[in-house]
Amino acid sequence: MNSRTTTEQQTLSEYNRARTLQYLHHHGIASRAQIAKALHLTPAALSKISNHLLASGAIVETGALEGKGNRRSIGLAVNARAFQVLGVKFARSLIEIGLFDLAGKPSFIRELPTVENTTIPQAIESLHAEIRRLLAEHPHILAIGMAVPGLRDRGHTAVVSSMGQWRQVNFRAEFEHAFDVPVIIEQDARAGALAQYLFDPNPANENLAYYLLGEGIGLGVIDHGTV
């Protein structure tokens, strides 16, 4: 087996594990058979995926479920409390940071000291220090998500008009590779749309428009489950 084939198989395995986690996140407890049918996977493939996720602690078995013909199967669910993520929200004079479990439940959300146009470099430096402190205190943090207004592809913000110094900050250069966990930086309205889609307790469908009203107007769209 050559290295290209191995890499492709690893990528497919990671993709199917992600699909399995996403299915459980949206549907709650489900059996292996239910997941395999919904994702068009063979029972053998789903068994391998579930064993990997169980070993990593990402999912747990929840006990017996009633199936067709009075057959019983074991339920699976996301182990939401096993891991955590950091969320950071940027606004004009506000930086908020929060710690969340995988179900979106916050351990805390707090504001950093108020930012002024002339203190933005110091605020960025303080945020770096705060994130490093939290990563040291909470070893089960998997990733960091950052919501930035008017984010452009190269990493700068384009629309924070009243505090122009923010436009000098390249958020991707500052944060994307600054820590030992992945950092995902997203435009704030798109991040809001994704959060609404993932954590709405009563999801209506896989299509929504999320408007964010502030100094400007932002729009994030979910189209058939895709941002």
C-alpha atoms as a PDB file:
ATOM      1  CA  MET A   1       0.000   0.000   0.000  1.00  0.00           C
ATOM      2  CA  ASN A   2       1.558   3.328  -1.021  1.00  0.00           C
ATOM      3  CA  SER A   3       1.618   6.481   1.085  1.00  0.00           C
ATOM      4  CA  ARG A   4      -1.012   8.216  -1.056  1.00  0.00           C
ATOM      5  CA  THR A   5      -3.513   5.379  -0.523  1.00  0.00           C
ATOM      6  CA  THR A   6      -2.801   5.379   3.209  1.00  0.00           C
ATOM      7  CA  THR A   7      -3.330   9.143   3.419  1.00  0.00           C
ATOM      8  CA  GLU A   8      -6.601   8.907   1.479  1.00  0.00           C
ATOM      9  CA  GLN A   9      -7.863   6.170   3.807  1.00  0.00           C
ATOM     10  CA  GLN A  10      -6.901   8.196   6.870  1.00  0.00           C
ATOM     11  CA  THR A  11      -8.709  11.237   5.467  1.00  0.00           C
ATOM     12  CA  LEU A  12     -11.833   9.173   4.750  1.00  0.00           C
ATOM     13  CA  SER A  13     -11.732   7.671   8.251  1.00  0.00           C
ATOM     14  CA  GLU A  14     -11.456  11.129   9.825  1.00  0.00           C
ATOM     15  CA  TYR A  15     -14.315  12.372   7.641  1.00  0.00           C
ATOM     16  CA  ASN A  16     -16.582   9.503   8.679  1.00  0.00           C
ATOM     17  CA  ARG A  17     -15.715   9.973  12.346  1.00  0.00           C
ATOM     18  CA  ALA A  18     -16.642  13.644  12.000  1.00  0.00           C
ATOM     19  CA  ARG A  19     -19.927  12.705  10.306  1.00  0.00           C
ATOM     20  CA  THR A  20     -20.708  10.266  13.109  1.00  0.00           C
ATOM     21  CA  LEU A  21     -20.058  12.889  15.771  1.00  0.00           C
ATOM     22  CA  GLN A  22     -22.164  15.430  13.892  1.00  0.00           C
ATOM     23  CA  TYR A  23     -25.040  12.945  13.602  1.00  0.00           C
ATOM     24  CA  LEU A  24     -24.948  12.210  17.338  1.00  0.00           C
ATOM     25  CA  HIS A  25     -24.689  15.921  18.114  1.00  0.00           C
ATOM     26  CA  HIS A  26     -27.884  16.633  16.174  1.00  0.00           C
ATOM     27  CA  HIS A  27     -29.862  13.515  17.066  1.00  0.00           C
ATOM     28  CA  GLY A  28     -28.747  12.720  20.600  1.00  0.00           C
ATOM     29  CA  ILE A  29     -28.633   9.035  21.539  1.00  0.00           C
ATOM     30  CA  ALA A  30     -28.599   6.578  18.627  1.00  0.00           C
ATOM     31  CA  SER A  31     -27.660   2.970  18.019  1.00  0.00           C
ATOM     32  CA  ARG A  32     -24.855   1.836  15.755  1.00  0.00           C
ATOM     33  CA  ALA A  33     -27.408   0.489  13.298  1.00  0.00           C
ATOM     34  CA  GLN A  34     -29.272   3.812  13.171  1.00  0.00           C
ATOM     35  CA  ILE A  35     -26.074   5.756  12.543  1.00  0.00           C
ATOM     36  CA  ALA A  36     -24.823   3.344   9.882  1.00  0.00           C
ATOM     37  CA  LYS A  37     -28.143   3.522   8.016  1.00  0.00           C
ATOM     38  CA  ALA A  38     -28.347   7.321   8.201  1.00  0.00           C
ATOM     39  CA  LEU A  39     -24.752   7.816   7.008  1.00  0.00           C
ATOM     40  CA  HIS A  40     -24.791   4.986   4.430  1.00  0.00           C
ATOM     41  CA  LEU A  41     -21.967   3.118   6.154  1.00  0.00           C
ATOM     42  CA  THR A  42     -21.563  -0.611   6.543  1.00  0.00           C
ATOM     43  CA  PRO A  43     -22.040  -2.071  10.051  1.00  0.00           C
ATOM     44  CA  ALA A  44     -18.375  -3.092  10.046  1.00  0.00           C
ATOM     45  CA  ALA A  45     -17.236   0.436   9.157  1.00  0.00           C
ATOM     46  CA  LEU A  46     -19.461   1.993  11.812  1.00  0.00           C
ATOM     47  CA  SER A  47     -18.235  -0.499  14.401  1.00  0.00           C
ATOM     48  CA  LYS A  48     -14.630   0.522  13.678  1.00  0.00           C
ATOM     49  CA  ILE A  49     -15.549   4.221  13.858  1.00  0.00           C
ATOM     50  CA  SER A  50     -17.467   3.858  17.118  1.00  0.00           C
ATOM     51  CA  ASN A  51     -14.652   1.841  18.722  1.00  0.00           C
ATOM     52  CA  HIS A  52     -12.177   4.583  17.831  1.00  0.00           C
ATOM     53  CA  LEU A  53     -14.448   7.327  19.213  1.00  0.00           C
ATOM     54  CA  LEU A  54     -15.144   5.331  22.387  1.00  0.00           C
ATOM     55  CA  ALA A  55     -11.429   4.785  22.969  1.00  0.00           C
ATOM     56  CA  SER A  56     -10.733   8.512  22.546  1.00  0.00           C
ATOM     57  CA  GLY A  57     -13.509   9.452  24.997  1.00  0.00           C
ATOM     58  CA  ALA A  58     -15.403  11.484  22.390  1.00  0.00           C
ATOM     59  CA  ILE A  59     -18.531   9.323  22.756  1.00  0.00           C
ATOM     60  CA  VAL A  60     -19.982   7.056  25.430  1.00  0.00           C
ATOM     61  CA  GLU A  61     -22.345   4.105  25.529  1.00  0.00           C
ATOM     62  CA  THR A  62     -25.633   5.010  27.197  1.00  0.00           C
ATOM     63  CA  GLY A  63     -27.231   1.619  27.751  1.00  0.00           C
ATOM     64  CA  ALA A  64     -29.736  -0.582  25.976  1.00  0.00           C
ATOM     65  CA  LEU A  65     -32.216   0.748  23.409  1.00  0.00           C
ATOM     66  CA  GLU A  66     -35.354  -0.996  22.207  1.00  0.00           C
ATOM     67  CA  GLY A  67     -35.182  -1.870  18.517  1.00  0.00           C
ATOM     68  CA  LYS A  68     -37.380  -3.532  15.932  1.00  0.00           C
ATOM     69  CA  GLY A  69     -38.705  -6.966  16.858  1.00  0.00           C
ATOM     70  CA  ASN A  70     -37.908  -6.301  20.518  1.00  0.00           C
ATOM     71  CA  ARG A  71     -34.207  -6.502  19.709  1.00  0.00           C
ATOM     72  CA  ARG A  72     -32.031  -4.459  22.021  1.00  0.00           C
ATOM     73  CA  SER A  73     -29.003  -2.422  20.979  1.00  0.00           C
ATOM     74  CA  ILE A  74     -26.559  -0.166  22.794  1.00  0.00           C
ATOM     75  CA  GLY A  75     -27.041   3.584  22.506  1.00  0.00           C
ATOM     76  CA  LEU A  76     -24.204   5.982  21.718  1.00  0.00           C
ATOM     77  CA  ALA A  77     -23.985   9.688  22.563  1.00  0.00           C
ATOM     78  CA  VAL A  78     -21.440  12.498  22.404  1.00  0.00           C
ATOM     79  CA  ASN A  79     -19.450  12.757  25.631  1.00  0.00           C
ATOM     80  CA  ALA A  80     -20.029  16.500  25.829  1.00  0.00           C
ATOM     81  CA  ARG A  81     -18.291  17.045  29.169  1.00  0.00           C
ATOM     82  CA  ALA A  82     -15.092  15.211  28.335  1.00  0.00           C
ATOM     83  CA  PHE A  83     -13.603  18.016  26.243  1.00  0.00           C
ATOM     84  CA  GLN A  84     -13.845  21.797  26.038  1.00  0.00           C
ATOM     85  CA  VAL A  85     -13.377  24.623  23.560  1.00  0.00           C
ATOM     86  CA  LEU A  86     -12.473  28.279  24.035  1.00  0.00           C
ATOM     87  CA  GLY A  87     -14.546  30.937  22.302  1.00  0.00           C
ATOM     88  CA  VAL A  88     -13.355  34.510  21.725  1.00  0.00           C
ATOM     89  CA  LYS A  89     -15.551  37.344  20.444  1.00  0.00           C
ATOM     90  CA  PHE A  90     -14.091  40.609  19.164  1.00  0.00           C
ATOM     91  CA  ALA A  91     -16.050  43.858  18.894  1.00  0.00           C
ATOM     92  CA  ARG A  92     -14.982  47.500  18.889  1.00  0.00           C
ATOM     93  CA  SER A  93     -14.176  48.027  22.574  1.00  0.00           C
ATOM     94  CA  LEU A  94     -15.051  44.538  23.739  1.00  0.00           C
ATOM     95  CA  ILE A  95     -13.247  41.211  23.836  1.00  0.00           C
ATOM     96  CA  GLU A  96     -15.163  38.348  25.409  1.00  0.00           C
ATOM     97  CA  ILE A  97     -13.729  34.914  26.179  1.00  0.00           C
ATOM     98  CA  GLY A  98     -15.635  31.818  27.243  1.00  0.00           C
ATOM     99  CA  LEU A  99     -15.051  28.152  27.997  1.00  0.00           C
ATOM    100  CA  PHE A 100     -17.645  25.674  26.667  1.00  0.00           C
ATOM    101  CA  ASP A 101     -18.266  21.946  26.601  1.00  0.00           C
ATOM    102  CA  LEU A 102     -19.054  20.123  23.365  1.00  0.00           C
ATOM    103  CA  ALA A 103     -22.787  20.712  23.835  1.00  0.00           C
ATOM    104  CA  GLY A 104     -22.227  24.482  23.930  1.00  0.00           C
ATOM    105  CA  LYS A 105     -22.789  24.785  27.686  1.00  0.00           C
ATOM    106  CA  PRO A 106     -20.548  27.525  29.122  1.00  0.00           C
ATOM    107  CA  SER A 107     -18.333  27.063  32.166  1.00  0.00           C
ATOM    108  CA  PHE A 108     -17.811  30.831  32.111  1.00  0.00           C
ATOM    109  CA  ILE A 109     -18.002  33.844  29.803  1.00  0.00           C
ATOM    110  CA  ARG A 110     -16.178  37.005  30.792  1.00  0.00           C
ATOM    111  CA  GLU A 111     -15.070  40.308  29.335  1.00  0.00           C
ATOM    112  CA  LEU A 112     -11.479  41.414  29.152  1.00  0.00           C
ATOM    113  CA  PRO A 113     -10.673  45.038  30.099  1.00  0.00           C
ATOM    114  CA  THR A 114     -12.305  47.627  27.823  1.00  0.00           C
ATOM    115  CA  VAL A 115     -10.323  48.252  24.638  1.00  0.00           C
ATOM    116  CA  GLU A 116      -9.587  51.735  23.292  1.00  0.00           C
ATOM    117  CA  ASN A 117      -8.252  52.558  19.848  1.00  0.00           C
ATOM    118  CA  THR A 118      -4.815  53.295  21.307  1.00  0.00           C
ATOM    119  CA  THR A 119      -4.671  50.147  23.471  1.00  0.00           C
ATOM    120  CA  ILE A 120      -5.465  47.504  20.849  1.00  0.00           C
ATOM    121  CA  PRO A 121      -1.865  46.126  20.699  1.00  0.00           C
ATOM    122  CA  GLN A 122      -1.858  45.728  24.499  1.00  0.00           C
ATOM    123  CA  ALA A 123      -5.285  44.066  24.358  1.00  0.00           C
ATOM    124  CA  ILE A 124      -4.015  41.542  21.812  1.00  0.00           C
ATOM    125  CA  GLU A 125      -0.983  40.822  24.009  1.00  0.00           C
ATOM    126  CA  SER A 126      -3.218  40.379  27.072  1.00  0.00           C
ATOM    127  CA  LEU A 127      -5.463  37.994  25.154  1.00  0.00           C
ATOM    128  CA  HIS A 128      -2.476  35.857  24.200  1.00  0.00           C
ATOM    129  CA  ALA A 129      -1.496  35.629  27.870  1.00  0.00           C
ATOM    130  CA  GLU A 130      -5.047  34.817  28.980  1.00  0.00           C
ATOM    131  CA  ILE A 131      -5.407  32.042  26.422  1.00  0.00           C
ATOM    132  CA  ARG A 132      -2.055  30.522  27.414  1.00  0.00           C
ATOM    133  CA  ARG A 133      -3.151  30.595  31.061  1.00  0.00           C
ATOM    134  CA  LEU A 134      -6.468  28.885  30.312  1.00  0.00           C
ATOM    135  CA  LEU A 135      -4.804  26.224  28.164  1.00  0.00           C
ATOM    136  CA  ALA A 136      -2.473  25.420  31.059  1.00  0.00           C
ATOM    137  CA  GLU A 137      -5.358  25.258  33.552  1.00  0.00           C
ATOM    138  CA  HIS A 138      -7.716  23.225  31.327  1.00  0.00           C
ATOM    139  CA  PRO A 139      -5.806  20.427  29.568  1.00  0.00           C
ATOM    140  CA  HIS A 140      -8.936  19.099  27.822  1.00  0.00           C
ATOM    141  CA  ILE A 141      -9.382  22.151  25.589  1.00  0.00           C
ATOM    142  CA  LEU A 142      -9.482  20.834  22.027  1.00  0.00           C
ATOM    143  CA  ALA A 143      -9.610  24.050  20.006  1.00  0.00           C
ATOM    144  CA  ILE A 144     -10.175  27.798  20.019  1.00  0.00           C
ATOM    145  CA  GLY A 145     -12.825  29.592  17.969  1.00  0.00           C
ATOM    146  CA  MET A 146     -12.667  33.335  17.280  1.00  0.00           C
ATOM    147  CA  ALA A 147     -15.464  35.514  15.890  1.00  0.00           C
ATOM    148  CA  VAL A 148     -14.225  38.688  14.174  1.00  0.00           C
ATOM    149  CA  PRO A 149     -16.337  41.449  12.558  1.00  0.00           C
ATOM    150  CA  GLY A 150     -15.822  42.018   8.839  1.00  0.00           C
ATOM    151  CA  LEU A 151     -13.073  39.433   8.518  1.00  0.00           C
ATOM    152  CA  ARG A 152     -11.418  39.177   5.112  1.00  0.00           C
ATOM    153  CA  ASP A 153      -9.592  36.144   3.721  1.00  0.00           C
ATOM    154  CA  ARG A 154      -6.127  37.482   4.502  1.00  0.00           C
ATOM    155  CA  GLY A 155      -6.997  37.970   8.162  1.00  0.00           C
ATOM    156  CA  HIS A 156      -7.746  41.690   8.514  1.00  0.00           C
ATOM    157  CA  THR A 157     -11.068  43.243   9.452  1.00  0.00           C
ATOM    158  CA  ALA A 158     -12.619  45.674   6.984  1.00  0.00           C
ATOM    159  CA  VAL A 159     -15.597  47.338   8.634  1.00  0.00           C
ATOM    160  CA  VAL A 160     -14.765  48.467  12.196  1.00  0.00           C
ATOM    161  CA  SER A 161     -14.998  52.139  11.335  1.00  0.00           C
ATOM    162  CA  SER A 162     -14.886  53.901  14.714  1.00  0.00           C
ATOM    163  CA  MET A 163     -11.699  52.162  15.921  1.00  0.00           C
ATOM    164  CA  GLY A 164      -9.467  52.093  12.876  1.00  0.00           C
ATOM    165  CA  GLN A 165      -6.505  50.543  14.688  1.00  0.00           C
ATOM    166  CA  TRP A 166      -8.301  47.182  14.538  1.00  0.00           C
ATOM    167  CA  ARG A 167      -7.667  47.208  10.777  1.00  0.00           C
ATOM    168  CA  GLN A 168      -3.930  46.930  11.447  1.00  0.00           C
ATOM    169  CA  VAL A 169      -4.388  43.563  13.204  1.00  0.00           C
ATOM    170  CA  ASN A 170      -3.962  40.443  11.097  1.00  0.00           C
ATOM    171  CA  PHE A 171      -5.977  38.010  13.181  1.00  0.00           C
ATOM    172  CA  ARG A 172      -4.741  34.952  11.292  1.00  0.00           C
ATOM    173  CA  ALA A 173      -1.089  35.908  11.698  1.00  0.00           C
ATOM    174  CA  GLU A 174      -1.623  36.751  15.370  1.00  0.00           C
ATOM    175  CA  PHE A 175      -3.516  33.662  16.465  1.00  0.00           C
ATOM    176  CA  GLU A 176      -3.810  30.873  13.901  1.00  0.00           C
ATOM    177  CA  HIS A 177      -0.545  29.136  14.866  1.00  0.00           C
ATOM    178  CA  ALA A 178       0.100  30.737  18.242  1.00  0.00           C
ATOM    179  CA  PHE A 179      -0.995  27.840  20.456  1.00  0.00           C
ATOM    180  CA  ASP A 180      -0.739  24.066  20.688  1.00  0.00           C
ATOM    181  CA  VAL A 181      -4.399  23.550  19.721  1.00  0.00           C
ATOM    182  CA  PRO A 182      -6.166  24.473  16.450  1.00  0.00           C
ATOM    183  CA  VAL A 183      -7.482  28.043  16.180  1.00  0.00           C
ATOM    184  CA  ILE A 184     -10.488  28.636  13.906  1.00  0.00           C
ATOM    185  CA  ILE A 185     -11.038  32.295  12.976  1.00  0.00           C
ATOM    186  CA  GLU A 186     -14.369  33.180  11.402  1.00  0.00           C
ATOM    187  CA  GLN A 187     -16.393  36.214  10.394  1.00  0.00           C
ATOM    188  CA  ASP A 188     -18.773  36.869  13.276  1.00  0.00           C
ATOM    189  CA  ALA A 189     -22.085  36.568  11.409  1.00  0.00           C
ATOM    190  CA  ARG A 190     -21.011  33.278   9.827  1.00  0.00           C
ATOM    191  CA  ALA A 191     -19.949  32.037  13.266  1.00  0.00           C
ATOM    192  CA  GLY A 192     -23.322  33.086  14.671  1.00  0.00           C
ATOM    193  CA  ALA A 193     -25.172  31.232  11.926  1.00  0.00           C
ATOM    194  CA  LEU A 194     -23.182  28.079  12.611  1.00  0.00           C
ATOM    195  CA  ALA A 195     -23.791  28.354  16.369  1.00  0.00           C
ATOM    196  CA  GLN A 196     -27.521  28.769  15.790  1.00  0.00           C
ATOM    197  CA  TYR A 197     -27.546  25.728  13.518  1.00  0.00           C
ATOM    198  CA  LEU A 198     -25.523  23.540  15.884  1.00  0.00           C
ATOM    199  CA  PHE A 199     -27.024  24.493  19.239  1.00  0.00           C
ATOM    200  CA  ASP A 200     -30.629  25.485  18.588  1.00  0.00           C
ATOM    201  CA  PRO A 201     -32.589  23.170  20.950  1.00  0.00           C
ATOM    202  CA  ASN A 202     -35.478  23.074  18.463  1.00  0.00           C
ATOM    203  CA  PRO A 203     -33.872  23.086  14.999  1.00  0.00           C
ATOM    204  CA  ALA A 204     -36.396  23.716  12.232  1.00  0.00           C
ATOM    205  CA  ASN A 205     -34.344  22.709   9.198  1.00  0.00           C
ATOM    206  CA  GLU A 206     -30.895  22.875   7.644  1.00  0.00           C
ATOM    207  CA  ASN A 207     -31.391  26.315   6.062  1.00  0.00           C
ATOM    208  CA  LEU A 208     -31.299  29.622   7.905  1.00  0.00           C
ATOM    209  CA  ALA A 209     -30.217  33.244   7.613  1.00  0.00           C
ATOM    210  CA  TYR A 210     -28.581  34.864  10.646  1.00  0.00           C
ATOM    211  CA  TYR A 211     -28.438  38.675  10.783  1.00  0.00           C
ATOM    212  CA  LEU A 212     -25.985  40.367  13.139  1.00  0.00           C
ATOM    213  CA  LEU A 213     -26.792  44.036  13.817  1.00  0.00           C
ATOM    214  CA  GLY A 214     -24.158  46.301  15.340  1.00  0.00           C
ATOM    215  CA  GLU A 215     -21.999  49.076  13.929  1.00  0.00           C
ATOM    216  CA  GLY A 216     -22.650  47.358  10.614  1.00  0.00           C
ATOM    217  CA  ILE A 217     -24.972  44.597   9.420  1.00  0.00           C
ATOM    218  CA  GLY A 218     -23.635  41.078   9.029  1.00  0.00           C
ATOM    219  CA  LEU A 219     -25.282  38.066   7.422  1.00  0.00           C
ATOM    220  CA  GLY A 220     -24.437  34.389   7.829  1.00  0.00           C
ATOM    221  CA  VAL A 221     -26.298  31.719   5.856  1.00  0.00           C
ATOM    222  CA  ILE A 222     -26.637  27.981   6.411  1.00  0.00           C
ATOM    223  CA  ASP A 223     -27.584  26.216   3.173  1.00  0.00           C
ATOM    224  CA  HIS A 224     -28.470  22.534   3.648  1.00  0.00           C
ATOM    225  CA  GLY A 225     -26.177  22.293   6.668  1.00  0.00           C
ATOM    226  CA  THR A 226     -23.244  24.148   5.091  1.00  0.00           C
ATOM    227  CA  VAL A 227     -22.078  27.648   6.048  1.00  0.00           C
END
